[in-house]
Amino acid sequence: MKEIIIYDSLSGNTEELAKEIKKEKPSAKLEKITTETVSQNDEIYYIGTPIIKGMCTDKIKKILMSLENKKIFLFVTAGYGGALKQLSIGCASSAGKTLIHTAGKVSDQNELFNNLPEQDRFLEAMADAASSVVKHFNGNAAYINIMKNISVDCDCDGNASAPCMQDIGILASLDPIAIDQACLDLVYNSTDPGKDKLIKRIESLHGVHTVEAATDLGFGTREYELINLD
């Protein structure tokens, strides 16, 4: 069975992840895309993209739209947000992003800032949208969070502040709730003095509530076993 790993990468994080996948799939071709087209001759496509302003890159978007009757495994890298954020806002259309940000009030981006809900309602809408994506893939998805270049700002910020903590590591799980909870715990339990800035931002926006709301929806658990592979 022909397999290919293709990716777009800006800061190098997606490229690093693609190379790790290559180690597990040595027979697969590895290709960093330079155009908006890709060969249709393979059967399985591992496609990687950074998330920029809540979306995949334009090149990856056009490639995804061009592929038909292929098995596709999508992997993404992003800033602060984790698996639940990328499942919800990262996978949503422009209208879907607006619905999430307004907690279901409107789908027109022009009306977004006139319909912003209370923060917890927004976080609950993210959890609800993530639940829909998890149910759609019905267990055929894995989640990888890269705790590297950790900034207080969201990946959708084109001018995000500089990293405030040292790199922590790469986490993988079949449960998007467990992996996000593990990331939070690693930040809180870190000895890095830079964590205070990140924790202040998380708590000011009640960031943990997305994990709480997702748990209430029942598509994962906050309980986990952390296995160190160093």
Protein backbone atom coordinates (compact mmCIF):
# COMPACT_ATOMS: atom_id res chain seq x y z
CA MET A 1 0.00 0.00 0.00
CA LYS A 2 1.49 3.33 -1.11
CA GLU A 3 1.82 5.90 1.68
CA ILE A 4 3.08 9.47 1.66
CA ILE A 5 3.71 12.03 4.39
CA ILE A 6 3.29 15.57 3.11
CA TYR A 7 3.48 18.72 5.16
CA ASP A 8 3.75 22.48 5.20
CA SER A 9 5.86 24.04 7.94
CA LEU A 10 6.65 27.60 8.95
CA SER A 11 8.54 27.49 12.25
CA GLY A 12 9.75 23.90 11.91
CA ASN A 13 7.36 22.26 14.39
CA THR A 14 5.24 20.54 11.73
CA GLU A 15 8.36 19.37 9.95
CA GLU A 16 9.67 17.88 13.20
CA LEU A 17 6.42 16.01 13.72
CA ALA A 18 6.40 14.78 10.11
CA LYS A 19 9.88 13.33 10.59
CA GLU A 20 8.74 11.53 13.72
CA ILE A 21 5.87 9.97 11.76
CA LYS A 22 8.39 8.94 9.08
CA LYS A 23 10.32 6.98 11.72
CA GLU A 24 7.17 4.94 12.39
CA LYS A 25 6.34 4.67 8.68
CA PRO A 26 9.75 4.05 7.05
CA SER A 27 8.26 2.91 3.75
CA ALA A 28 6.26 6.12 3.33
CA LYS A 29 7.60 8.94 1.20
CA LEU A 30 8.29 12.22 3.03
CA GLU A 31 7.70 15.46 1.16
CA LYS A 32 7.56 19.11 2.19
CA ILE A 33 5.14 20.73 -0.21
CA THR A 34 6.23 23.67 -2.34
CA THR A 35 3.16 23.88 -4.60
CA GLU A 36 -0.58 23.51 -4.22
CA THR A 37 -0.72 20.15 -6.00
CA VAL A 38 0.29 16.65 -5.00
CA SER A 39 0.47 13.28 -6.73
CA GLN A 40 -2.77 11.29 -6.74
CA ASN A 41 -0.89 7.98 -7.01
CA ASP A 42 -0.73 7.13 -3.31
CA GLU A 43 -3.42 5.44 -1.23
CA ILE A 44 -2.75 6.79 2.27
CA TYR A 45 -1.87 10.43 2.92
CA TYR A 46 -0.47 11.75 6.19
CA ILE A 47 -0.93 15.50 5.86
CA GLY A 48 0.57 18.03 8.25
CA THR A 49 -0.04 21.74 8.63
CA PRO A 50 0.54 24.52 11.12
CA ILE A 51 -2.62 26.31 12.23
CA ILE A 52 -2.50 29.97 11.23
CA LYS A 53 -5.29 32.21 12.46
CA GLY A 54 -7.41 29.15 13.11
CA MET A 55 -6.90 27.60 9.66
CA CYS A 56 -4.57 25.24 7.84
CA THR A 57 -2.22 26.83 5.30
CA ASP A 58 -3.61 27.70 1.87
CA LYS A 59 -1.43 25.08 0.18
CA ILE A 60 -2.66 22.31 2.46
CA LYS A 61 -6.28 23.44 2.08
CA LYS A 62 -6.09 23.18 -1.71
CA ILE A 63 -4.39 19.80 -1.52
CA LEU A 64 -7.07 18.47 0.83
CA MET A 65 -9.78 19.68 -1.55
CA SER A 66 -8.06 17.96 -4.48
CA LEU A 67 -7.86 14.47 -2.95
CA GLU A 68 -10.71 12.06 -3.61
CA ASN A 69 -11.25 8.49 -2.40
CA LYS A 70 -8.06 8.55 -0.33
CA LYS A 71 -7.37 7.65 3.27
CA ILE A 72 -6.18 10.84 4.97
CA PHE A 73 -4.61 11.25 8.40
CA LEU A 74 -4.33 14.92 9.30
CA PHE A 75 -1.83 16.21 11.87
CA VAL A 76 -1.51 19.82 12.93
CA THR A 77 0.71 22.01 15.08
CA ALA A 78 -0.42 25.17 16.77
CA GLY A 79 0.16 27.57 19.61
CA TYR A 80 -1.61 27.62 22.95
CA GLY A 81 -4.89 25.77 22.66
CA GLY A 82 -4.33 22.03 22.62
CA ALA A 83 -6.31 19.21 21.09
CA LEU A 84 -9.80 20.42 22.04
CA LYS A 85 -9.24 23.87 20.56
CA GLN A 86 -7.93 22.43 17.28
CA LEU A 87 -10.76 19.90 17.05
CA SER A 88 -13.30 22.68 17.37
CA ILE A 89 -12.09 25.97 15.91
CA GLY A 90 -9.22 24.38 13.96
CA CYS A 91 -11.58 22.05 12.07
CA ALA A 92 -14.41 24.54 11.58
CA SER A 93 -15.31 26.57 8.51
CA SER A 94 -15.37 30.36 8.72
CA ALA A 95 -19.07 30.19 9.55
CA GLY A 96 -18.41 27.45 12.07
CA LYS A 97 -15.69 29.47 13.78
CA THR A 98 -18.13 32.35 14.11
CA LEU A 99 -20.82 30.08 15.56
CA ILE A 100 -18.35 28.79 18.14
CA HIS A 101 -17.05 32.25 19.08
CA THR A 102 -20.62 33.52 19.53
CA ALA A 103 -21.84 30.33 21.27
CA GLY A 104 -24.26 29.60 18.45
CA LYS A 105 -25.73 33.08 18.01
CA VAL A 106 -24.59 33.98 14.47
CA SER A 107 -22.58 32.51 11.60
CA ASP A 108 -21.80 35.79 9.81
CA GLN A 109 -18.25 36.93 10.60
CA ASN A 110 -19.32 40.55 10.18
CA GLU A 111 -21.61 40.15 13.20
CA LEU A 112 -19.12 38.28 15.39
CA PHE A 113 -17.92 41.11 17.63
CA ASN A 114 -21.48 42.32 18.23
CA ASN A 115 -22.49 38.91 19.60
CA LEU A 116 -19.67 37.79 21.88
CA PRO A 117 -21.01 35.62 24.74
CA GLU A 118 -19.78 35.18 28.30
CA GLN A 119 -16.39 33.46 28.34
CA ASP A 120 -17.68 30.17 29.76
CA ARG A 121 -20.34 29.91 27.06
CA PHE A 122 -17.63 30.33 24.40
CA LEU A 123 -15.51 27.60 26.02
CA GLU A 124 -18.54 25.30 26.25
CA ALA A 125 -19.23 25.90 22.55
CA MET A 126 -15.65 24.84 21.78
CA ALA A 127 -16.13 21.65 23.78
CA ASP A 128 -19.41 20.94 22.00
CA ALA A 129 -17.86 21.44 18.56
CA ALA A 130 -14.90 19.23 19.50
CA SER A 131 -17.35 16.54 20.57
CA SER A 132 -18.92 16.55 17.11
CA VAL A 133 -15.55 16.03 15.41
CA VAL A 134 -14.56 13.23 17.80
CA LYS A 135 -17.87 11.46 17.17
CA HIS A 136 -17.46 11.90 13.41
CA PHE A 137 -14.10 10.09 13.41
CA ASN A 138 -15.47 7.46 15.78
CA GLY A 139 -12.17 6.42 17.35
CA ASN A 140 -10.09 6.76 14.17
CA ALA A 141 -8.01 9.66 15.43
CA ALA A 142 -4.97 10.18 17.61
CA TYR A 143 -3.88 13.43 19.25
CA ILE A 144 -0.39 14.89 19.54
CA ASN A 145 0.33 18.05 21.55
CA ILE A 146 3.77 19.63 21.13
CA MET A 147 4.70 21.66 24.21
CA LYS A 148 7.38 23.70 22.50
CA ASN A 149 7.87 27.45 22.04
CA ILE A 150 5.11 27.94 24.61
CA SER A 151 3.57 31.40 24.39
CA VAL A 152 0.67 32.93 26.31
CA ASP A 153 -1.01 33.90 23.05
CA CYS A 154 -3.35 31.89 20.85
CA ASP A 155 -2.08 30.41 17.59
CA CYS A 156 -4.52 32.71 15.77
CA ASP A 157 -2.47 35.74 16.86
CA GLY A 158 -0.21 36.67 13.96
CA ASN A 159 2.01 38.66 16.35
CA ALA A 160 2.12 36.33 19.32
CA SER A 161 4.41 37.16 22.21
CA ALA A 162 7.71 35.36 22.65
CA PRO A 163 7.79 31.96 24.40
CA CYS A 164 7.54 32.30 28.18
CA MET A 165 8.61 28.76 29.15
CA GLN A 166 11.24 26.24 28.18
CA ASP A 167 10.12 23.34 25.97
CA ILE A 168 8.40 20.55 27.94
CA GLY A 169 7.97 17.75 25.41
CA ILE A 170 5.63 15.97 23.01
CA LEU A 171 2.49 14.21 24.25
CA ALA A 172 0.36 11.64 22.42
CA SER A 173 -2.97 10.10 23.34
CA LEU A 174 -6.14 8.62 21.93
CA ASP A 175 -8.14 10.86 24.29
CA PRO A 176 -8.23 14.62 23.50
CA ILE A 177 -9.45 15.51 26.98
CA ALA A 178 -6.77 13.50 28.78
CA ILE A 179 -3.96 14.96 26.67
CA ASP A 180 -5.08 18.54 27.30
CA GLN A 181 -5.42 17.88 31.04
CA ALA A 182 -1.92 16.37 31.05
CA CYS A 183 -0.55 19.50 29.35
CA LEU A 184 -2.18 21.71 31.95
CA ASP A 185 -0.78 19.58 34.78
CA LEU A 186 2.72 19.71 33.29
CA VAL A 187 2.55 23.51 33.19
CA TYR A 188 1.27 23.81 36.76
CA ASN A 189 3.83 21.30 38.08
CA SER A 190 6.76 22.81 36.17
CA THR A 191 9.65 24.44 38.03
CA ASP A 192 10.08 26.92 35.17
CA PRO A 193 9.52 30.47 36.56
CA GLY A 194 8.02 31.44 33.21
CA LYS A 195 4.98 29.32 33.99
CA ASP A 196 3.50 32.10 36.13
CA LYS A 197 2.85 34.23 33.06
CA LEU A 198 1.11 31.37 31.24
CA ILE A 199 -0.92 30.30 34.27
CA LYS A 200 -2.07 33.89 34.78
CA ARG A 201 -3.35 33.98 31.18
CA ILE A 202 -5.03 30.55 31.47
CA GLU A 203 -6.79 31.45 34.70
CA SER A 204 -7.81 34.94 33.54
CA LEU A 205 -9.71 33.28 30.66
CA HIS A 206 -10.88 30.27 32.72
CA GLY A 207 -9.09 28.05 30.19
CA VAL A 208 -9.60 24.83 32.14
CA HIS A 209 -13.36 25.13 31.60
CA THR A 210 -13.05 23.76 28.05
CA VAL A 211 -11.67 20.55 29.57
CA GLU A 212 -14.39 20.56 32.22
CA ALA A 213 -17.16 21.05 29.66
CA ALA A 214 -15.73 18.38 27.36
CA THR A 215 -15.63 15.93 30.26
CA ASP A 216 -19.28 16.67 31.03
CA LEU A 217 -20.12 15.80 27.41
CA GLY A 218 -18.59 12.39 27.97
CA PHE A 219 -16.25 11.94 25.01
CA GLY A 220 -13.12 11.49 27.14
CA THR A 221 -11.73 11.65 30.63
CA ARG A 222 -9.42 13.88 32.65
CA GLU A 223 -7.83 10.80 34.21
CA TYR A 224 -4.63 9.54 32.56
CA GLU A 225 -1.36 7.72 33.07
CA LEU A 226 1.70 9.69 31.98
CA ILE A 227 4.35 7.38 30.47
CA ASN A 228 7.76 8.97 29.92
CA LEU A 229 9.58 7.60 26.87
CA ASP A 230 12.93 9.35 27.44
